[in-house]
Amino acid sequence: MRMAMGRRPLLAMGAAGLAAPALAQGRPITLVVPFPPGGSTDFMGRLLAERMQGALGQPVLVENRPGGATVVGAEAVARAAPDGHTVLVNSGTTLTINPLLMRSLSYKVEDFAPVSLLSTLPFAFLVQNRMPATISEFVALAKSRPGQLNYGTNGPSSFNNIAAVLVAEKLGIRMQDVTYRGDAQQLNDFLAGTLDLLVVGGASAIGPHRNGQGRIIGWTGDRRLPSMPEIPTFDEFAPGALAQTYFGLAVPARTPRPVIDRLSQAAATALKEPALRDRLLAEGQFALGTSPEEYGAFLRAEAERWAPVLQKMNLQID
């Protein structure tokens, strides 16, 4: 009897040990942001790191690995050990646009396991104060100067460039793109007057708009921002002018499912926090925090949605 009683705790401990996530306690988790500091992806990564650190009970760091339209950072995560300690904070560029556009991409979507869809983010058209203040006036100006208005992007395959091209097509205008390595560098040139406009996420556009350093004339999303209800969407002006990016977490393929679940639950817990949701919304992001399965289904749907659009645009990167 004494022996039987003694085995029950041991069996329970064994089962718990098999089910427990394999994240090494005390060892930092690194969120890899494939952009320089200062942009929307970096903003999300740093907010999330603060909250996930508390939920996981271990350090969560942010490492910026910019370059190659997010390829540098994504490749680093794809090649990392599949133990949950290296996590990609990806945007739509990384797991949707790049695989559809780049012929010789050094990673595949299958190299990653989805963890959670964090949020969606429409882009803003932030124009110089000297330019028209409404969409209709902006379109009239652009049509009078075809191909002359310039805007900053994170590269031909970046989601903000895709959004700009799609919206411009729906509006019947042509613009000239200028490539940068991140939102912060674009913003510096915009503030210096070098760029006519920016097509950027809310975190990079709302501040200058409120500070009088430029003005947002429209959003590329499917709804107006509650904190700025006076600014319309381009879809209201030209149906089909809809293009928004997203942020998610992904880990190397073959990462154990218990580890993925633990990371996903930590992200979901963080994104349920009202203060965090409000802060994201104030920066133009609509918080989600999905399961790995939901994020995987979302990624498949995005690929199906954008493949014909990009084919029509005839965008291809070697």
Protein backbone atom coordinates (compact mmCIF):
# COMPACT_ATOMS: atom_id res chain seq x y z
CA MET A 1 0.00 0.00 0.00
CA ARG A 2 2.77 2.39 0.91
CA MET A 3 4.55 1.55 -2.37
CA ALA A 4 1.39 2.23 -4.44
CA MET A 5 0.87 5.57 -2.74
CA GLY A 6 4.48 6.48 -3.43
CA ARG A 7 4.18 5.78 -7.15
CA ARG A 8 1.23 8.09 -7.80
CA PRO A 9 3.12 11.35 -7.24
CA LEU A 10 6.00 10.02 -9.36
CA LEU A 11 3.66 9.12 -12.22
CA ALA A 12 1.98 12.52 -12.00
CA MET A 13 5.33 14.28 -12.05
CA GLY A 14 6.39 12.23 -15.06
CA ALA A 15 3.27 13.15 -17.01
CA ALA A 16 3.68 16.81 -16.11
CA GLY A 17 7.28 16.70 -17.22
CA LEU A 18 6.30 15.30 -20.62
CA ALA A 19 3.60 17.95 -21.10
CA ALA A 20 5.56 20.93 -19.80
CA PRO A 21 6.85 23.44 -22.36
CA ALA A 22 10.55 23.05 -23.00
CA LEU A 23 11.38 26.75 -22.65
CA ALA A 24 14.46 26.92 -20.46
CA GLN A 25 13.65 29.02 -17.40
CA GLY A 26 15.96 31.98 -16.97
CA ARG A 27 17.19 31.83 -20.55
CA PRO A 28 16.04 34.90 -22.52
CA ILE A 29 13.56 34.67 -25.35
CA THR A 30 14.52 36.89 -28.28
CA LEU A 31 11.87 38.53 -30.43
CA VAL A 32 13.55 39.20 -33.77
CA VAL A 33 12.20 42.31 -35.50
CA PRO A 34 13.33 42.35 -39.17
CA PHE A 35 13.22 46.16 -39.32
CA PRO A 36 15.28 48.94 -37.73
CA PRO A 37 14.03 50.53 -34.49
CA GLY A 38 11.25 53.07 -34.77
CA GLY A 39 8.70 51.51 -37.11
CA SER A 40 5.37 49.76 -36.60
CA THR A 41 6.83 46.25 -36.35
CA ASP A 42 9.37 47.41 -33.79
CA PHE A 43 6.59 49.16 -31.85
CA MET A 44 4.57 45.95 -31.66
CA GLY A 45 7.60 43.86 -30.73
CA ARG A 46 8.61 46.07 -27.83
CA LEU A 47 5.11 46.39 -26.41
CA LEU A 48 4.64 42.64 -26.60
CA ALA A 49 8.04 41.85 -25.07
CA GLU A 50 7.16 43.80 -21.92
CA ARG A 51 3.91 41.88 -21.39
CA MET A 52 5.12 38.43 -22.43
CA GLN A 53 8.03 38.68 -20.02
CA GLY A 54 5.59 38.82 -17.13
CA ALA A 55 3.37 36.04 -18.51
CA LEU A 56 6.29 33.70 -19.18
CA GLY A 57 8.30 34.53 -16.09
CA GLN A 58 11.57 34.94 -18.00
CA PRO A 59 13.39 37.69 -19.90
CA VAL A 60 12.03 38.62 -23.34
CA LEU A 61 14.38 40.73 -25.45
CA VAL A 62 13.96 42.52 -28.79
CA GLU A 63 16.65 42.21 -31.44
CA ASN A 64 16.44 44.31 -34.61
CA ARG A 65 17.76 42.45 -37.67
CA PRO A 66 16.90 44.69 -40.66
CA GLY A 67 17.78 44.19 -44.29
CA GLY A 68 16.64 42.61 -47.54
CA ALA A 69 12.95 43.51 -47.13
CA THR A 70 12.86 41.48 -43.85
CA VAL A 71 14.79 38.54 -45.36
CA VAL A 72 17.80 38.97 -43.05
CA GLY A 73 15.77 38.69 -39.86
CA ALA A 74 13.48 35.97 -41.16
CA GLU A 75 16.38 33.84 -42.34
CA ALA A 76 18.05 34.15 -38.93
CA VAL A 77 14.94 32.81 -37.21
CA ALA A 78 14.38 30.04 -39.76
CA ARG A 79 17.91 28.77 -39.08
CA ALA A 80 17.68 29.11 -35.29
CA ALA A 81 17.28 26.17 -32.93
CA PRO A 82 13.59 25.12 -32.78
CA ASP A 83 13.34 25.57 -29.04
CA GLY A 84 11.11 28.65 -28.72
CA HIS A 85 13.88 31.00 -27.67
CA THR A 86 14.11 32.74 -31.05
CA VAL A 87 10.80 34.17 -32.26
CA LEU A 88 10.06 36.19 -35.38
CA VAL A 89 7.85 39.27 -35.15
CA ASN A 90 6.72 39.16 -38.75
CA SER A 91 4.75 41.55 -40.86
CA GLY A 92 2.81 40.75 -44.01
CA THR A 93 5.94 41.36 -46.04
CA THR A 94 7.76 38.39 -44.53
CA LEU A 95 5.30 35.52 -44.78
CA THR A 96 2.92 36.70 -47.51
CA ILE A 97 4.50 39.12 -49.98
CA ASN A 98 8.11 37.87 -50.12
CA PRO A 99 7.20 34.22 -50.84
CA LEU A 100 4.90 35.35 -53.67
CA LEU A 101 7.36 37.78 -55.25
CA MET A 102 10.93 36.63 -54.67
CA ARG A 103 12.17 33.93 -57.04
CA SER A 104 15.28 33.06 -55.03
CA LEU A 105 14.01 33.62 -51.50
CA SER A 106 16.31 32.01 -48.92
CA TYR A 107 13.43 30.76 -46.76
CA LYS A 108 9.98 29.22 -47.24
CA VAL A 109 6.77 29.74 -45.31
CA GLU A 110 7.08 26.08 -44.32
CA ASP A 111 10.31 26.92 -42.47
CA PHE A 112 8.15 28.54 -39.78
CA ALA A 113 5.44 27.40 -37.39
CA PRO A 114 2.71 30.01 -36.77
CA VAL A 115 2.26 31.11 -33.17
CA SER A 116 -0.28 33.94 -33.15
CA LEU A 117 -1.77 36.64 -35.37
CA LEU A 118 -1.19 39.72 -33.23
CA SER A 119 -2.91 42.56 -35.08
CA THR A 120 -3.86 44.12 -38.38
CA LEU A 121 -2.61 47.52 -39.50
CA PRO A 122 -3.88 49.72 -42.33
CA PHE A 123 -1.46 52.10 -43.99
CA ALA A 124 -1.81 55.86 -43.95
CA PHE A 125 -1.04 58.24 -46.80
CA LEU A 126 0.82 60.99 -44.94
CA VAL A 127 1.34 63.99 -47.21
CA GLN A 128 3.26 67.23 -46.83
CA ASN A 129 1.28 70.16 -45.43
CA ARG A 130 1.82 72.01 -48.71
CA MET A 131 -0.21 69.33 -50.52
CA PRO A 132 -4.00 68.88 -50.80
CA ALA A 133 -5.87 67.88 -47.67
CA THR A 134 -8.49 65.56 -49.20
CA ILE A 135 -8.33 62.39 -51.26
CA SER A 136 -10.12 63.96 -54.24
CA GLU A 137 -7.77 66.96 -54.28
CA PHE A 138 -4.74 64.68 -53.92
CA VAL A 139 -5.90 62.58 -56.86
CA ALA A 140 -6.35 65.70 -58.98
CA LEU A 141 -2.80 66.84 -58.15
CA ALA A 142 -1.31 63.42 -58.87
CA LYS A 143 -3.10 63.22 -62.21
CA SER A 144 -1.72 66.63 -63.16
CA ARG A 145 1.82 65.41 -62.36
CA PRO A 146 1.87 61.73 -63.43
CA GLY A 147 4.78 59.79 -61.95
CA GLN A 148 6.25 62.86 -60.25
CA LEU A 149 5.00 62.55 -56.67
CA ASN A 150 7.42 60.40 -54.68
CA TYR A 151 6.83 58.26 -51.62
CA GLY A 152 9.02 56.16 -49.33
CA THR A 153 8.76 52.38 -49.03
CA ASN A 154 10.68 49.51 -47.44
CA GLY A 155 11.44 48.02 -50.87
CA PRO A 156 9.54 46.87 -53.98
CA SER A 157 8.23 43.77 -52.20
CA SER A 158 7.31 45.54 -48.97
CA PHE A 159 3.67 45.64 -48.00
CA ASN A 160 3.59 49.42 -47.90
CA ASN A 161 4.77 49.57 -51.51
CA ILE A 162 2.23 46.94 -52.55
CA ALA A 163 -0.46 48.97 -50.78
CA ALA A 164 0.68 52.16 -52.52
CA VAL A 165 0.66 50.51 -55.95
CA LEU A 166 -2.77 48.96 -55.40
CA VAL A 167 -4.35 52.16 -54.09
CA ALA A 168 -2.74 54.25 -56.85
CA GLU A 169 -4.14 51.87 -59.47
CA LYS A 170 -7.64 52.11 -57.99
CA LEU A 171 -7.34 55.92 -57.87
CA GLY A 172 -6.05 56.07 -61.44
CA ILE A 173 -2.74 57.76 -60.57
CA ARG A 174 1.00 57.01 -60.86
CA MET A 175 3.65 57.78 -58.24
CA GLN A 176 7.40 57.17 -57.85
CA ASP A 177 8.66 54.95 -55.02
CA VAL A 178 11.93 55.52 -53.13
CA THR A 179 13.34 52.56 -51.18
CA TYR A 180 14.46 52.77 -47.53
CA ARG A 181 15.48 50.22 -44.90
CA GLY A 182 12.77 51.21 -42.43
CA ASP A 183 10.04 53.66 -41.47
CA ALA A 184 12.32 55.84 -39.34
CA GLN A 185 14.63 56.74 -42.24
CA GLN A 186 11.66 57.50 -44.46
CA LEU A 187 10.19 59.76 -41.81
CA ASN A 188 13.43 61.72 -41.48
CA ASP A 189 13.47 62.46 -45.21
CA PHE A 190 9.77 63.28 -45.20
CA LEU A 191 10.26 65.80 -42.39
CA ALA A 192 13.18 67.27 -44.33
CA GLY A 193 10.86 67.77 -47.30
CA THR A 194 12.63 65.26 -49.57
CA LEU A 195 9.56 63.03 -49.95
CA ASP A 196 6.11 64.20 -51.01
CA LEU A 197 4.34 61.57 -48.98
CA LEU A 198 4.74 58.42 -46.91
CA VAL A 199 2.71 55.22 -47.09
CA VAL A 200 3.29 53.90 -43.58
CA GLY A 201 1.60 52.25 -40.64
CA GLY A 202 -0.18 54.26 -37.99
CA ALA A 203 2.71 54.42 -35.52
CA SER A 204 4.80 56.33 -38.07
CA ALA A 205 2.00 58.56 -39.39
CA ILE A 206 -0.20 59.52 -36.45
CA GLY A 207 2.55 61.37 -34.54
CA PRO A 208 3.55 63.69 -37.41
CA HIS A 209 -0.13 64.24 -38.22
CA ARG A 210 -0.95 65.33 -34.68
CA ASN A 211 2.22 67.41 -34.43
CA GLY A 212 1.39 69.35 -37.58
CA GLN A 213 4.37 67.91 -39.50
CA GLY A 214 2.16 66.45 -42.21
CA ARG A 215 -1.38 65.21 -42.59
CA ILE A 216 -3.05 61.88 -43.14
CA ILE A 217 -5.50 62.07 -46.05
CA GLY A 218 -6.71 58.47 -45.97
CA TRP A 219 -6.32 54.90 -44.68
CA THR A 220 -5.89 51.74 -46.76
CA GLY A 221 -7.89 49.60 -44.33
CA ASP A 222 -11.52 48.48 -44.22
CA ARG A 223 -12.62 50.88 -41.48
CA ARG A 224 -11.87 54.29 -40.06
CA LEU A 225 -9.72 54.62 -36.98
CA PRO A 226 -11.97 55.29 -33.94
CA SER A 227 -9.55 57.89 -32.57
CA MET A 228 -9.50 59.77 -35.92
CA PRO A 229 -13.00 59.27 -37.35
CA GLU A 230 -12.73 62.29 -39.63
CA ILE A 231 -10.14 60.59 -41.86
CA PRO A 232 -11.73 58.35 -44.52
CA THR A 233 -10.54 55.12 -46.07
CA PHE A 234 -9.52 54.98 -49.72
CA ASP A 235 -12.00 52.15 -50.15
CA GLU A 236 -14.78 54.68 -49.53
CA PHE A 237 -13.47 56.80 -52.40
CA ALA A 238 -12.51 53.97 -54.78
CA PRO A 239 -13.96 50.52 -53.97
CA GLY A 240 -11.25 47.87 -53.89
CA ALA A 241 -8.55 50.26 -52.67
CA LEU A 242 -8.00 48.02 -49.66
CA ALA A 243 -4.59 46.83 -48.46
CA GLN A 244 -3.56 46.32 -44.85
CA THR A 245 -0.66 44.47 -43.33
CA TYR A 246 -0.57 42.37 -40.21
CA PHE A 247 1.79 41.36 -37.43
CA GLY A 248 2.31 37.89 -36.07
CA LEU A 249 4.65 35.63 -34.18
CA ALA A 250 6.35 32.64 -35.79
CA VAL A 251 9.03 30.21 -34.67
CA PRO A 252 11.29 27.78 -36.53
CA ALA A 253 9.53 24.71 -37.89
CA ARG A 254 9.79 21.63 -35.68
CA THR A 255 9.47 23.74 -32.53
CA PRO A 256 7.62 21.49 -30.01
CA ARG A 257 3.90 22.13 -29.88
CA PRO A 258 3.85 22.72 -26.09
CA VAL A 259 6.38 25.53 -26.60
CA ILE A 260 4.30 27.05 -29.40
CA ASP A 261 1.18 26.88 -27.24
CA ARG A 262 2.91 28.55 -24.32
CA LEU A 263 4.15 31.41 -26.49
CA SER A 264 0.74 31.77 -28.14
CA GLN A 265 -1.05 31.87 -24.80
CA ALA A 266 1.37 34.49 -23.48
CA ALA A 267 0.76 36.67 -26.54
CA ALA A 268 -3.02 36.23 -26.30
CA THR A 269 -2.97 37.13 -22.60
CA ALA A 270 -0.99 40.28 -23.36
CA LEU A 271 -3.34 41.33 -26.16
CA LYS A 272 -6.43 40.92 -23.98
CA GLU A 273 -5.15 43.65 -21.69
CA PRO A 274 -7.44 46.69 -22.26
CA ALA A 275 -4.64 49.20 -21.79
CA LEU A 276 -2.51 47.44 -24.41
CA ARG A 277 -5.40 47.18 -26.87
CA ASP A 278 -6.12 50.88 -26.45
CA ARG A 279 -2.48 51.76 -26.96
CA LEU A 280 -2.30 49.71 -30.14
CA LEU A 281 -5.52 51.24 -31.41
CA ALA A 282 -4.16 54.71 -30.76
CA GLU A 283 -1.27 53.78 -33.06
CA GLY A 284 -3.52 52.44 -35.80
CA GLN A 285 -3.42 48.73 -34.95
CA PHE A 286 -6.40 46.46 -34.30
CA ALA A 287 -5.36 43.86 -31.69
CA LEU A 288 -6.20 40.16 -32.14
CA GLY A 289 -4.12 37.42 -30.46
CA THR A 290 -5.21 34.22 -32.20
CA SER A 291 -4.38 30.54 -31.83
CA PRO A 292 -1.65 28.93 -33.97
CA GLU A 293 -4.34 27.22 -36.09
CA GLU A 294 -6.16 30.48 -36.73
CA TYR A 295 -2.93 32.20 -37.70
CA GLY A 296 -2.03 29.36 -40.07
CA ALA A 297 -5.44 29.60 -41.76
CA PHE A 298 -5.04 33.38 -42.03
CA LEU A 299 -1.64 33.01 -43.72
CA ARG A 300 -3.08 30.61 -46.28
CA ALA A 301 -5.99 32.95 -47.01
CA GLU A 302 -3.67 35.94 -47.42
CA ALA A 303 -1.51 34.05 -49.91
CA GLU A 304 -4.59 33.13 -51.95
CA ARG A 305 -5.85 36.71 -51.85
CA TRP A 306 -2.64 38.43 -52.87
CA ALA A 307 -1.28 36.00 -55.47
CA PRO A 308 -3.58 37.17 -58.31
CA VAL A 309 -3.20 40.82 -57.30
CA LEU A 310 0.59 40.67 -57.45
CA GLN A 311 0.50 38.72 -60.70
CA LYS A 312 -1.62 41.47 -62.23
CA MET A 313 0.85 44.08 -60.96
CA ASN A 314 3.65 42.13 -62.66
CA LEU A 315 5.91 42.56 -59.64
CA GLN A 316 8.75 40.04 -59.48
CA ILE A 317 12.02 40.12 -57.53
CA ASP A 318 15.05 37.96 -58.43
